[in-house]
Amino acid sequence: MNSNPEYNFMMDRYFTYGFLSDVIEPWVLLNIRLTKEIGTRAQVSFTANNVTNTSRYHTNRNTNSKTQLYPNMYFGAELKINL
């Protein structure tokens, strides 16, 4: 297949940039969890992840591909009952 021009483009090609290191600088992500105890039997929790709605992207300097580092902002609630 190496001599066939139709398949030749697939042979002996290595993406050397795929083995180069890429450094992502540290950044801050703010998550909040508030819990309220209701007597001795129950707890209600509210969770907010990525409160500041940070949409930080990282561009790989080797491949120029963009990646979103943080998930989108989302909220949640939890109810815990002790029997």
PDB file of N, CA and C in Angstrom:
ATOM      1  N   MET A   1       0.818  -1.198   0.000  1.00  0.00           N
ATOM      2  CA  MET A   1       0.000   0.000   0.000  1.00  0.00           C
ATOM      3  C   MET A   1       0.861   1.260   0.000  1.00  0.00           C
ATOM      4  N   ASN A   2       2.091   1.136   0.451  1.00  0.00           N
ATOM      5  CA  ASN A   2       2.957   2.300   0.507  1.00  0.00           C
ATOM      6  C   ASN A   2       3.262   2.845  -0.886  1.00  0.00           C
ATOM      7  N   SER A   3       3.298   1.998  -1.863  1.00  0.00           N
ATOM      8  CA  SER A   3       3.593   2.447  -3.222  1.00  0.00           C
ATOM      9  C   SER A   3       2.359   2.978  -3.935  1.00  0.00           C
ATOM     10  N   ASN A   4       1.176   2.667  -3.440  1.00  0.00           N
ATOM     11  CA  ASN A   4      -0.059   3.136  -4.054  1.00  0.00           C
ATOM     12  C   ASN A   4      -0.283   4.602  -3.672  1.00  0.00           C
ATOM     13  N   PRO A   5      -0.375   5.530  -4.650  1.00  0.00           N
ATOM     14  CA  PRO A   5      -0.529   6.957  -4.320  1.00  0.00           C
ATOM     15  C   PRO A   5      -1.842   7.270  -3.605  1.00  0.00           C
ATOM     16  N   GLU A   6      -2.823   6.402  -3.757  1.00  0.00           N
ATOM     17  CA  GLU A   6      -4.105   6.630  -3.098  1.00  0.00           C
ATOM     18  C   GLU A   6      -3.990   6.465  -1.580  1.00  0.00           C
ATOM     19  N   TYR A   7      -3.101   5.580  -1.130  1.00  0.00           N
ATOM     20  CA  TYR A   7      -2.916   5.324   0.291  1.00  0.00           C
ATOM     21  C   TYR A   7      -1.617   5.901   0.843  1.00  0.00           C
ATOM     22  N   ASN A   8      -0.801   6.447  -0.001  1.00  0.00           N
ATOM     23  CA  ASN A   8       0.515   6.919   0.408  1.00  0.00           C
ATOM     24  C   ASN A   8       0.438   8.039   1.453  1.00  0.00           C
ATOM     25  N   PHE A   9      -0.597   8.855   1.386  1.00  0.00           N
ATOM     26  CA  PHE A   9      -0.706   9.972   2.341  1.00  0.00           C
ATOM     27  C   PHE A   9      -0.893   9.485   3.773  1.00  0.00           C
ATOM     28  N   MET A  10      -1.332   8.236   3.955  1.00  0.00           N
ATOM     29  CA  MET A  10      -1.536   7.712   5.303  1.00  0.00           C
ATOM     30  C   MET A  10      -0.271   7.111   5.895  1.00  0.00           C
ATOM     31  N   MET A  11       0.717   6.871   5.097  1.00  0.00           N
ATOM     32  CA  MET A  11       1.922   6.193   5.562  1.00  0.00           C
ATOM     33  C   MET A  11       3.002   7.202   5.954  1.00  0.00           C
ATOM     34  N   ASP A  12       3.771   6.856   6.957  1.00  0.00           N
ATOM     35  CA  ASP A  12       4.944   7.629   7.381  1.00  0.00           C
ATOM     36  C   ASP A  12       4.632   9.076   7.724  1.00  0.00           C
ATOM     37  N   ARG A  13       3.478   9.331   8.272  1.00  0.00           N
ATOM     38  CA  ARG A  13       3.155  10.681   8.727  1.00  0.00           C
ATOM     39  C   ARG A  13       2.915  10.633  10.227  1.00  0.00           C
ATOM     40  N   TYR A  14       3.686  11.393  10.915  1.00  0.00           N
ATOM     41  CA  TYR A  14       3.541  11.461  12.362  1.00  0.00           C
ATOM     42  C   TYR A  14       3.367  12.920  12.747  1.00  0.00           C
ATOM     43  N   PHE A  15       2.442  13.159  13.621  1.00  0.00           N
ATOM     44  CA  PHE A  15       2.219  14.510  14.108  1.00  0.00           C
ATOM     45  C   PHE A  15       3.110  14.709  15.319  1.00  0.00           C
ATOM     46  N   THR A  16       4.288  15.251  15.096  1.00  0.00           N
ATOM     47  CA  THR A  16       5.252  15.394  16.182  1.00  0.00           C
ATOM     48  C   THR A  16       4.774  16.379  17.234  1.00  0.00           C
ATOM     49  N   TYR A  17       3.915  17.324  16.860  1.00  0.00           N
ATOM     50  CA  TYR A  17       3.423  18.271  17.852  1.00  0.00           C
ATOM     51  C   TYR A  17       2.513  17.581  18.869  1.00  0.00           C
ATOM     52  N   GLY A  18       2.004  16.417  18.565  1.00  0.00           N
ATOM     53  CA  GLY A  18       1.155  15.689  19.500  1.00  0.00           C
ATOM     54  C   GLY A  18       1.897  15.215  20.731  1.00  0.00           C
ATOM     55  N   PHE A  19       3.224  15.162  20.652  1.00  0.00           N
ATOM     56  CA  PHE A  19       4.027  14.702  21.778  1.00  0.00           C
ATOM     57  C   PHE A  19       4.657  15.855  22.551  1.00  0.00           C
ATOM     58  N   LEU A  20       4.446  17.087  22.120  1.00  0.00           N
ATOM     59  CA  LEU A  20       4.998  18.244  22.814  1.00  0.00           C
ATOM     60  C   LEU A  20       4.105  18.594  24.002  1.00  0.00           C
ATOM     61  N   SER A  21       4.715  19.101  25.055  1.00  0.00           N
ATOM     62  CA  SER A  21       3.936  19.443  26.240  1.00  0.00           C
ATOM     63  C   SER A  21       3.231  20.782  26.043  1.00  0.00           C
ATOM     64  N   ASP A  22       2.103  20.907  26.706  1.00  0.00           N
ATOM     65  CA  ASP A  22       1.319  22.135  26.673  1.00  0.00           C
ATOM     66  C   ASP A  22       0.933  22.456  28.111  1.00  0.00           C
ATOM     67  N   VAL A  23       1.224  23.647  28.571  1.00  0.00           N
ATOM     68  CA  VAL A  23       1.020  24.024  29.970  1.00  0.00           C
ATOM     69  C   VAL A  23      -0.222  24.894  30.085  1.00  0.00           C
ATOM     70  N   ILE A  24      -1.090  24.543  31.025  1.00  0.00           N
ATOM     71  CA  ILE A  24      -2.269  25.347  31.330  1.00  0.00           C
ATOM     72  C   ILE A  24      -2.016  26.043  32.652  1.00  0.00           C
ATOM     73  N   GLU A  25      -2.066  27.354  32.623  1.00  0.00           N
ATOM     74  CA  GLU A  25      -1.824  28.144  33.832  1.00  0.00           C
ATOM     75  C   GLU A  25      -2.971  27.954  34.821  1.00  0.00           C
ATOM     76  N   PRO A  26      -2.686  27.967  36.125  1.00  0.00           N
ATOM     77  CA  PRO A  26      -3.756  27.813  37.122  1.00  0.00           C
ATOM     78  C   PRO A  26      -4.703  29.010  37.121  1.00  0.00           C
ATOM     79  N   TRP A  27      -5.943  28.747  37.475  1.00  0.00           N
ATOM     80  CA  TRP A  27      -6.970  29.777  37.508  1.00  0.00           C
ATOM     81  C   TRP A  27      -7.929  29.441  38.636  1.00  0.00           C
ATOM     82  N   VAL A  28      -8.881  30.285  38.896  1.00  0.00           N
ATOM     83  CA  VAL A  28      -9.790  30.107  40.028  1.00  0.00           C
ATOM     84  C   VAL A  28     -11.185  29.754  39.527  1.00  0.00           C
ATOM     85  N   LEU A  29     -11.803  28.779  40.182  1.00  0.00           N
ATOM     86  CA  LEU A  29     -13.187  28.407  39.916  1.00  0.00           C
ATOM     87  C   LEU A  29     -13.915  28.446  41.256  1.00  0.00           C
ATOM     88  N   LEU A  30     -15.017  29.176  41.321  1.00  0.00           N
ATOM     89  CA  LEU A  30     -15.720  29.375  42.581  1.00  0.00           C
ATOM     90  C   LEU A  30     -16.986  28.526  42.634  1.00  0.00           C
ATOM     91  N   ASN A  31     -17.036  27.624  43.615  1.00  0.00           N
ATOM     92  CA  ASN A  31     -18.206  26.787  43.870  1.00  0.00           C
ATOM     93  C   ASN A  31     -18.701  27.073  45.282  1.00  0.00           C
ATOM     94  N   ILE A  32     -20.022  27.080  45.467  1.00  0.00           N
ATOM     95  CA  ILE A  32     -20.609  27.372  46.782  1.00  0.00           C
ATOM     96  C   ILE A  32     -21.587  26.255  47.147  1.00  0.00           C
ATOM     97  N   ARG A  33     -21.560  25.866  48.428  1.00  0.00           N
ATOM     98  CA  ARG A  33     -22.526  24.899  48.951  1.00  0.00           C
ATOM     99  C   ARG A  33     -23.005  25.387  50.310  1.00  0.00           C
ATOM    100  N   LEU A  34     -24.294  25.600  50.422  1.00  0.00           N
ATOM    101  CA  LEU A  34     -24.909  26.050  51.672  1.00  0.00           C
ATOM    102  C   LEU A  34     -25.811  24.935  52.192  1.00  0.00           C
ATOM    103  N   THR A  35     -25.686  24.645  53.488  1.00  0.00           N
ATOM    104  CA  THR A  35     -26.479  23.569  54.087  1.00  0.00           C
ATOM    105  C   THR A  35     -27.233  24.106  55.298  1.00  0.00           C
ATOM    106  N   LYS A  36     -28.516  23.780  55.390  1.00  0.00           N
ATOM    107  CA  LYS A  36     -29.354  24.162  56.519  1.00  0.00           C
ATOM    108  C   LYS A  36     -29.877  22.888  57.167  1.00  0.00           C
ATOM    109  N   GLU A  37     -29.592  22.740  58.468  1.00  0.00           N
ATOM    110  CA  GLU A  37     -30.097  21.581  59.201  1.00  0.00           C
ATOM    111  C   GLU A  37     -31.502  21.895  59.715  1.00  0.00           C
ATOM    112  N   ILE A  38     -32.395  20.961  59.496  1.00  0.00           N
ATOM    113  CA  ILE A  38     -33.773  21.110  59.961  1.00  0.00           C
ATOM    114  C   ILE A  38     -33.979  20.097  61.075  1.00  0.00           C
ATOM    115  N   GLY A  39     -33.810  20.563  62.294  1.00  0.00           N
ATOM    116  CA  GLY A  39     -33.900  19.664  63.444  1.00  0.00           C
ATOM    117  C   GLY A  39     -32.759  18.659  63.404  1.00  0.00           C
ATOM    118  N   THR A  40     -33.045  17.441  63.867  1.00  0.00           N
ATOM    119  CA  THR A  40     -32.031  16.385  63.832  1.00  0.00           C
ATOM    120  C   THR A  40     -32.321  15.364  62.734  1.00  0.00           C
ATOM    121  N   ARG A  41     -33.406  15.562  62.013  1.00  0.00           N
ATOM    122  CA  ARG A  41     -33.855  14.572  61.039  1.00  0.00           C
ATOM    123  C   ARG A  41     -33.545  14.914  59.578  1.00  0.00           C
ATOM    124  N   ALA A  42     -33.290  16.167  59.235  1.00  0.00           N
ATOM    125  CA  ALA A  42     -33.164  16.510  57.813  1.00  0.00           C
ATOM    126  C   ALA A  42     -32.146  17.624  57.591  1.00  0.00           C
ATOM    127  N   GLN A  43     -31.618  17.642  56.383  1.00  0.00           N
ATOM    128  CA  GLN A  43     -30.721  18.700  55.928  1.00  0.00           C
ATOM    129  C   GLN A  43     -31.089  19.065  54.494  1.00  0.00           C
ATOM    130  N   VAL A  44     -31.067  20.354  54.202  1.00  0.00           N
ATOM    131  CA  VAL A  44     -31.303  20.844  52.846  1.00  0.00           C
ATOM    132  C   VAL A  44     -30.050  21.575  52.404  1.00  0.00           C
ATOM    133  N   SER A  45     -29.534  21.220  51.217  1.00  0.00           N
ATOM    134  CA  SER A  45     -28.317  21.844  50.707  1.00  0.00           C
ATOM    135  C   SER A  45     -28.584  22.477  49.355  1.00  0.00           C
ATOM    136  N   PHE A  46     -27.967  23.600  49.127  1.00  0.00           N
ATOM    137  CA  PHE A  46     -28.023  24.290  47.839  1.00  0.00           C
ATOM    138  C   PHE A  46     -26.602  24.367  47.302  1.00  0.00           C
ATOM    139  N   THR A  47     -26.410  23.996  46.057  1.00  0.00           N
ATOM    140  CA  THR A  47     -25.090  23.989  45.433  1.00  0.00           C
ATOM    141  C   THR A  47     -25.104  24.867  44.196  1.00  0.00           C
ATOM    142  N   ALA A  48     -24.083  25.702  44.058  1.00  0.00           N
ATOM    143  CA  ALA A  48     -23.910  26.517  42.854  1.00  0.00           C
ATOM    144  C   ALA A  48     -22.464  26.347  42.396  1.00  0.00           C
ATOM    145  N   ASN A  49     -22.285  25.783  41.231  1.00  0.00           N
ATOM    146  CA  ASN A  49     -20.947  25.570  40.678  1.00  0.00           C
ATOM    147  C   ASN A  49     -20.661  26.600  39.595  1.00  0.00           C
ATOM    148  N   ASN A  50     -19.419  27.070  39.573  1.00  0.00           N
ATOM    149  CA  ASN A  50     -18.975  28.124  38.656  1.00  0.00           C
ATOM    150  C   ASN A  50     -19.859  29.361  38.815  1.00  0.00           C
ATOM    151  N   VAL A  51     -19.920  29.867  40.037  1.00  0.00           N
ATOM    152  CA  VAL A  51     -20.800  30.976  40.397  1.00  0.00           C
ATOM    153  C   VAL A  51     -20.514  32.222  39.565  1.00  0.00           C
ATOM    154  N   THR A  52     -19.264  32.483  39.268  1.00  0.00           N
ATOM    155  CA  THR A  52     -18.913  33.689  38.507  1.00  0.00           C
ATOM    156  C   THR A  52     -19.137  33.516  37.011  1.00  0.00           C
ATOM    157  N   ASN A  53     -19.594  32.348  36.587  1.00  0.00           N
ATOM    158  CA  ASN A  53     -19.851  32.024  35.187  1.00  0.00           C
ATOM    159  C   ASN A  53     -18.620  32.302  34.318  1.00  0.00           C
ATOM    160  N   THR A  54     -17.479  31.846  34.800  1.00  0.00           N
ATOM    161  CA  THR A  54     -16.229  32.019  34.081  1.00  0.00           C
ATOM    162  C   THR A  54     -16.206  31.076  32.884  1.00  0.00           C
ATOM    163  N   SER A  55     -15.979  31.622  31.715  1.00  0.00           N
ATOM    164  CA  SER A  55     -15.896  30.808  30.501  1.00  0.00           C
ATOM    165  C   SER A  55     -14.479  30.922  29.951  1.00  0.00           C
ATOM    166  N   ARG A  56     -13.550  30.345  30.658  1.00  0.00           N
ATOM    167  CA  ARG A  56     -12.154  30.448  30.250  1.00  0.00           C
ATOM    168  C   ARG A  56     -11.829  29.351  29.248  1.00  0.00           C
ATOM    169  N   TYR A  57     -11.192  29.753  28.175  1.00  0.00           N
ATOM    170  CA  TYR A  57     -10.774  28.818  27.140  1.00  0.00           C
ATOM    171  C   TYR A  57      -9.256  28.752  27.108  1.00  0.00           C
ATOM    172  N   HIS A  58      -8.751  27.614  26.712  1.00  0.00           N
ATOM    173  CA  HIS A  58      -7.320  27.431  26.557  1.00  0.00           C
ATOM    174  C   HIS A  58      -7.046  27.065  25.103  1.00  0.00           C
ATOM    175  N   THR A  59      -6.107  27.781  24.482  1.00  0.00           N
ATOM    176  CA  THR A  59      -5.708  27.472  23.123  1.00  0.00           C
ATOM    177  C   THR A  59      -4.383  26.729  23.170  1.00  0.00           C
ATOM    178  N   ASN A  60      -4.374  25.540  22.626  1.00  0.00           N
ATOM    179  CA  ASN A  60      -3.162  24.734  22.577  1.00  0.00           C
ATOM    180  C   ASN A  60      -2.212  25.375  21.575  1.00  0.00           C
ATOM    181  N   ARG A  61      -1.028  25.703  22.019  1.00  0.00           N
ATOM    182  CA  ARG A  61      -0.097  26.415  21.144  1.00  0.00           C
ATOM    183  C   ARG A  61       0.494  25.517  20.067  1.00  0.00           C
ATOM    184  N   ASN A  62       0.364  24.208  20.223  1.00  0.00           N
ATOM    185  CA  ASN A  62       0.884  23.284  19.219  1.00  0.00           C
ATOM    186  C   ASN A  62      -0.117  22.996  18.110  1.00  0.00           C
ATOM    187  N   THR A  63      -1.385  22.860  18.470  1.00  0.00           N
ATOM    188  CA  THR A  63      -2.403  22.496  17.488  1.00  0.00           C
ATOM    189  C   THR A  63      -3.390  23.614  17.206  1.00  0.00           C
ATOM    190  N   ASN A  64      -3.357  24.708  17.975  1.00  0.00           N
ATOM    191  CA  ASN A  64      -4.298  25.828  17.865  1.00  0.00           C
ATOM    192  C   ASN A  64      -5.744  25.411  18.111  1.00  0.00           C
ATOM    193  N   SER A  65      -5.952  24.328  18.835  1.00  0.00           N
ATOM    194  CA  SER A  65      -7.307  23.909  19.175  1.00  0.00           C
ATOM    195  C   SER A  65      -7.726  24.570  20.482  1.00  0.00           C
ATOM    196  N   LYS A  66      -9.008  24.927  20.583  1.00  0.00           N
ATOM    197  CA  LYS A  66      -9.539  25.584  21.771  1.00  0.00           C
ATOM    198  C   LYS A  66     -10.299  24.576  22.615  1.00  0.00           C
ATOM    199  N   THR A  67     -10.118  24.684  23.938  1.00  0.00           N
ATOM    200  CA  THR A  67     -10.799  23.813  24.877  1.00  0.00           C
ATOM    201  C   THR A  67     -11.379  24.662  25.996  1.00  0.00           C
ATOM    202  N   GLN A  68     -12.650  24.420  26.345  1.00  0.00           N
ATOM    203  CA  GLN A  68     -13.248  25.132  27.467  1.00  0.00           C
ATOM    204  C   GLN A  68     -12.796  24.457  28.747  1.00  0.00           C
ATOM    205  N   LEU A  69     -12.196  25.234  29.658  1.00  0.00           N
ATOM    206  CA  LEU A  69     -11.622  24.663  30.871  1.00  0.00           C
ATOM    207  C   LEU A  69     -12.654  24.401  31.957  1.00  0.00           C
ATOM    208  N   TYR A  70     -13.695  25.217  32.024  1.00  0.00           N
ATOM    209  CA  TYR A  70     -14.659  25.100  33.103  1.00  0.00           C
ATOM    210  C   TYR A  70     -16.039  24.741  32.563  1.00  0.00           C
ATOM    211  N   PRO A  71     -16.822  24.002  33.337  1.00  0.00           N
ATOM    212  CA  PRO A  71     -18.198  23.721  32.906  1.00  0.00           C
ATOM    213  C   PRO A  71     -19.039  24.985  33.026  1.00  0.00           C
ATOM    214  N   ASN A  72     -20.182  24.987  32.374  1.00  0.00           N
ATOM    215  CA  ASN A  72     -21.096  26.120  32.480  1.00  0.00           C
ATOM    216  C   ASN A  72     -21.657  26.193  33.901  1.00  0.00           C
ATOM    217  N   MET A  73     -22.152  27.370  34.275  1.00  0.00           N
ATOM    218  CA  MET A  73     -22.709  27.567  35.606  1.00  0.00           C
ATOM    219  C   MET A  73     -23.969  26.709  35.763  1.00  0.00           C
ATOM    220  N   TYR A  74     -24.074  26.035  36.915  1.00  0.00           N
ATOM    221  CA  TYR A  74     -25.273  25.256  37.177  1.00  0.00           C
ATOM    222  C   TYR A  74     -25.549  25.220  38.671  1.00  0.00           C
ATOM    223  N   PHE A  75     -26.812  24.964  38.997  1.00  0.00           N
ATOM    224  CA  PHE A  75     -27.291  24.964  40.371  1.00  0.00           C
ATOM    225  C   PHE A  75     -27.876  23.600  40.697  1.00  0.00           C
ATOM    226  N   GLY A  76     -27.948  23.304  41.987  1.00  0.00           N
ATOM    227  CA  GLY A  76     -28.559  22.049  42.403  1.00  0.00           C
ATOM    228  C   GLY A  76     -29.003  22.121  43.846  1.00  0.00           C
ATOM    229  N   ALA A  77     -29.855  21.192  44.220  1.00  0.00           N
ATOM    230  CA  ALA A  77     -30.356  21.108  45.594  1.00  0.00           C
ATOM    231  C   ALA A  77     -30.316  19.659  46.044  1.00  0.00           C
ATOM    232  N   GLU A  78     -30.206  19.491  47.347  1.00  0.00           N
ATOM    233  CA  GLU A  78     -30.111  18.147  47.918  1.00  0.00           C
ATOM    234  C   GLU A  78     -30.900  18.115  49.215  1.00  0.00           C
ATOM    235  N   LEU A  79     -31.651  17.069  49.401  1.00  0.00           N
ATOM    236  CA  LEU A  79     -32.404  16.870  50.623  1.00  0.00           C
ATOM    237  C   LEU A  79     -31.915  15.566  51.255  1.00  0.00           C
ATOM    238  N   LYS A  80     -31.456  15.646  52.515  1.00  0.00           N
ATOM    239  CA  LYS A  80     -30.941  14.476  53.226  1.00  0.00           C
ATOM    240  C   LYS A  80     -31.815  14.245  54.451  1.00  0.00           C
ATOM    241  N   ILE A  81     -32.350  13.029  54.545  1.00  0.00           N
ATOM    242  CA  ILE A  81     -33.225  12.687  55.669  1.00  0.00           C
ATOM    243  C   ILE A  81     -32.553  11.579  56.488  1.00  0.00           C
ATOM    244  N   ASN A  82     -32.396  11.827  57.780  1.00  0.00           N
ATOM    245  CA  ASN A  82     -31.832  10.843  58.711  1.00  0.00           C
ATOM    246  C   ASN A  82     -32.967  10.094  59.385  1.00  0.00           C
ATOM    247  N   LEU A  83     -32.969   8.790  59.239  1.00  0.00           N
ATOM    248  CA  LEU A  83     -34.038   7.995  59.864  1.00  0.00           C
ATOM    249  C   LEU A  83     -33.630   7.468  61.209  1.00  0.00           C
TER     250      LEU A  83
END
